[in-house]
Amino acid sequence: LPADCEQLQHAFAIFSHASEQLSGAYQELQERVAQLTRELALANDELRRQQRLAVMGEMAARLAHQLRTPLSTALLYTAHLANPAVAGDECPGFAEKALERLRHLEHLIRDMLLFVKGETAEWETIVMSSLLAELQRVIEPQMSRRNLRFTVHDNSAGASLMADRKALSGAVACL
């Protein structure tokens, strides 16, 4: 019986030692998992930051393109005003068109600021023929500057739609 007792004590000692080693290994594993979790959280934060920066870059490029369109048209009209070959009676028309494009540019910037603030768009009923005429006034000067002809064939037959006119015309003008 004493030999059995010694063997039992020895087995308990081995079990106790193995249990302590497992507990230590488990503790080390938990610490390593916690460290990796922190590192992963930091990497995820950096990834989200990079994604936000990429989206902001795309938005800035689109905004620059959308602002460039009315600005280049206004510059074209003002260049006509500075041209001595342009007849004096044509100047008011060019000046009005340049002002119209600059006002459009101002509205684009205002709309962008409203969007950034989270304010809503101004929905209205838009008659397609008036939208097409507006787009022709915007796009035609740009096309003629490149020696291209821009023609609108209006088959809308009085059709209309509900939309934010400024956003819609700005989006189509950027195409």
Protein backbone atom coordinates (compact mmCIF):
# COMPACT_ATOMS: atom_id res chain seq x y z
CA LEU A 1 0.00 0.00 0.00
CA PRO A 2 2.76 2.52 0.75
CA ALA A 3 4.18 1.87 -2.75
CA ASP A 4 0.78 2.54 -4.24
CA CYS A 5 0.55 5.72 -2.24
CA GLU A 6 3.97 6.82 -3.46
CA GLN A 7 2.99 6.09 -7.05
CA LEU A 8 -0.24 8.02 -6.58
CA GLN A 9 1.67 10.97 -5.11
CA HIS A 10 4.15 10.81 -7.99
CA ALA A 11 1.26 10.72 -10.52
CA PHE A 12 -0.36 13.71 -8.79
CA ALA A 13 2.95 15.57 -8.90
CA ILE A 14 3.33 14.86 -12.62
CA PHE A 15 -0.30 15.90 -13.17
CA SER A 16 0.19 19.06 -11.12
CA HIS A 17 3.37 19.95 -13.02
CA ALA A 18 1.67 19.31 -16.40
CA SER A 19 -1.31 21.34 -15.28
CA GLU A 20 0.95 24.27 -14.31
CA GLN A 21 2.71 24.07 -17.68
CA LEU A 22 -0.64 24.00 -19.51
CA SER A 23 -1.88 26.96 -17.48
CA GLY A 24 1.27 28.91 -18.32
CA ALA A 25 1.03 27.99 -22.00
CA TYR A 26 -2.67 28.95 -21.99
CA GLN A 27 -1.83 32.31 -20.38
CA GLU A 28 0.90 32.97 -22.97
CA LEU A 29 -1.52 32.01 -25.74
CA GLN A 30 -4.17 34.40 -24.37
CA GLU A 31 -1.62 37.23 -24.22
CA ARG A 32 -0.50 36.50 -27.78
CA VAL A 33 -4.12 36.46 -29.02
CA ALA A 34 -4.75 39.78 -27.25
CA GLN A 35 -1.62 41.28 -28.83
CA LEU A 36 -2.59 40.02 -32.30
CA THR A 37 -6.13 41.34 -31.79
CA ARG A 38 -4.74 44.81 -30.97
CA GLU A 39 -2.45 44.68 -34.02
CA LEU A 40 -5.36 43.60 -36.23
CA ALA A 41 -7.53 46.43 -34.87
CA LEU A 42 -4.78 48.93 -35.71
CA ALA A 43 -4.37 47.44 -39.19
CA ASN A 44 -8.15 47.63 -39.72
CA ASP A 45 -8.19 51.26 -38.60
CA GLU A 46 -5.39 52.03 -41.06
CA LEU A 47 -7.21 50.18 -43.84
CA ARG A 48 -10.42 52.15 -43.17
CA ARG A 49 -8.41 55.39 -43.17
CA GLN A 50 -6.80 54.44 -46.50
CA GLN A 51 -10.22 53.57 -47.96
CA ARG A 52 -11.64 56.92 -46.79
CA LEU A 53 -8.69 58.74 -48.36
CA ALA A 54 -9.19 56.85 -51.63
CA VAL A 55 -12.90 57.75 -51.70
CA MET A 56 -12.09 61.38 -50.91
CA GLY A 57 -9.55 61.41 -53.75
CA GLU A 58 -12.14 60.08 -56.18
CA MET A 59 -14.67 62.67 -54.98
CA ALA A 60 -12.12 65.47 -55.39
CA ALA A 61 -11.34 64.35 -58.93
CA ARG A 62 -15.03 64.21 -59.85
CA LEU A 63 -15.65 67.58 -58.24
CA ALA A 64 -12.73 69.13 -60.11
CA HIS A 65 -14.12 67.75 -63.36
CA GLN A 66 -17.59 69.05 -62.57
CA LEU A 67 -16.22 72.50 -61.72
CA ARG A 68 -13.95 72.61 -64.76
CA THR A 69 -16.85 72.29 -67.22
CA PRO A 70 -18.66 75.58 -66.42
CA LEU A 71 -15.37 77.31 -65.73
CA SER A 72 -13.92 76.44 -69.13
CA THR A 73 -17.15 77.57 -70.81
CA ALA A 74 -17.05 80.89 -68.93
CA LEU A 75 -13.41 81.34 -69.93
CA LEU A 76 -14.33 80.70 -73.55
CA TYR A 77 -17.03 83.37 -73.47
CA THR A 78 -14.77 85.90 -71.76
CA ALA A 79 -12.06 85.18 -74.32
CA HIS A 80 -14.56 86.22 -77.00
CA LEU A 81 -15.09 89.48 -75.11
CA ALA A 82 -11.37 90.19 -75.23
CA ASN A 83 -11.18 89.43 -78.96
CA PRO A 84 -11.08 92.70 -80.94
CA ALA A 85 -12.64 90.93 -83.95
CA VAL A 86 -15.89 90.34 -82.03
CA ALA A 87 -18.55 92.87 -82.95
CA GLY A 88 -19.70 95.21 -80.19
CA ASP A 89 -23.30 94.02 -80.37
CA GLU A 90 -22.20 90.43 -79.66
CA CYS A 91 -20.42 91.37 -76.41
CA PRO A 92 -23.52 91.54 -74.18
CA GLY A 93 -24.51 88.04 -75.27
CA PHE A 94 -21.07 86.64 -74.49
CA ALA A 95 -21.00 88.50 -71.17
CA GLU A 96 -24.42 87.10 -70.20
CA LYS A 97 -23.38 83.56 -71.14
CA ALA A 98 -20.16 83.90 -69.13
CA LEU A 99 -22.13 85.16 -66.13
CA GLU A 100 -24.57 82.26 -66.50
CA ARG A 101 -21.72 79.73 -66.40
CA LEU A 102 -20.10 81.47 -63.42
CA ARG A 103 -23.44 81.40 -61.58
CA HIS A 104 -23.70 77.72 -62.40
CA LEU A 105 -20.22 77.24 -60.95
CA GLU A 106 -21.30 79.07 -57.80
CA HIS A 107 -24.37 76.80 -57.52
CA LEU A 108 -22.20 73.70 -57.89
CA ILE A 109 -20.01 74.85 -55.03
CA ARG A 110 -23.07 75.66 -52.92
CA ASP A 111 -24.55 72.23 -53.67
CA MET A 112 -21.29 70.57 -52.69
CA LEU A 113 -21.30 72.44 -49.39
CA LEU A 114 -24.93 71.42 -48.80
CA PHE A 115 -23.99 67.81 -49.49
CA VAL A 116 -21.10 67.99 -47.04
CA LYS A 117 -23.46 69.40 -44.41
CA GLY A 118 -25.94 66.60 -45.14
CA GLU A 119 -28.75 68.83 -46.40
CA THR A 120 -31.23 67.48 -48.94
CA ALA A 121 -31.59 68.17 -52.65
CA GLU A 122 -34.26 70.38 -54.20
CA TRP A 123 -36.60 68.04 -56.09
CA GLU A 124 -38.74 69.53 -58.82
CA THR A 125 -40.66 68.54 -61.93
CA ILE A 126 -38.36 69.00 -64.91
CA VAL A 127 -39.69 69.18 -68.45
CA MET A 128 -37.26 67.20 -70.55
CA SER A 129 -37.22 69.70 -73.43
CA SER A 130 -36.09 72.50 -71.08
CA LEU A 131 -33.40 70.25 -69.61
CA LEU A 132 -32.17 69.36 -73.10
CA ALA A 133 -32.09 73.05 -74.08
CA GLU A 134 -30.08 73.87 -70.94
CA LEU A 135 -27.63 71.07 -71.67
CA GLN A 136 -27.24 72.28 -75.24
CA ARG A 137 -26.35 75.78 -73.99
CA VAL A 138 -23.74 74.27 -71.68
CA ILE A 139 -22.19 71.68 -73.97
CA GLU A 140 -22.38 73.41 -77.36
CA PRO A 141 -19.62 76.00 -76.67
CA GLN A 142 -17.25 73.29 -75.47
CA MET A 143 -17.90 71.23 -78.58
CA SER A 144 -17.49 74.17 -80.96
CA ARG A 145 -14.16 75.01 -79.32
CA ARG A 146 -13.00 71.57 -80.46
CA ASN A 147 -14.48 72.12 -83.94
CA LEU A 148 -17.30 69.65 -83.23
CA ARG A 149 -20.99 70.16 -83.73
CA PHE A 150 -23.46 69.34 -80.97
CA THR A 151 -27.08 68.76 -81.94
CA VAL A 152 -30.01 67.86 -79.74
CA HIS A 153 -32.92 65.89 -81.19
CA ASP A 154 -35.75 66.38 -78.73
CA ASN A 155 -38.24 63.51 -78.94
CA SER A 156 -39.43 63.92 -75.36
CA ALA A 157 -42.96 64.98 -76.42
CA GLY A 158 -43.62 66.93 -73.22
CA ALA A 159 -42.25 64.22 -70.90
CA SER A 160 -41.04 65.29 -67.46
CA LEU A 161 -39.35 63.80 -64.44
CA MET A 162 -38.85 64.52 -60.74
CA ALA A 163 -35.21 65.30 -59.94
CA ASP A 164 -32.77 67.83 -58.60
CA ARG A 165 -32.25 69.93 -61.75
CA LYS A 166 -28.82 71.23 -60.79
CA ALA A 167 -27.49 67.81 -59.85
CA LEU A 168 -28.95 66.19 -62.96
CA SER A 169 -27.68 68.80 -65.42
CA GLY A 170 -24.31 68.85 -63.66
CA ALA A 171 -24.01 65.07 -63.92
CA VAL A 172 -24.98 64.98 -67.59
CA ALA A 173 -22.77 67.95 -68.47
CA CYS A 174 -19.77 66.11 -67.00
CA LEU A 175 -20.17 63.19 -69.36
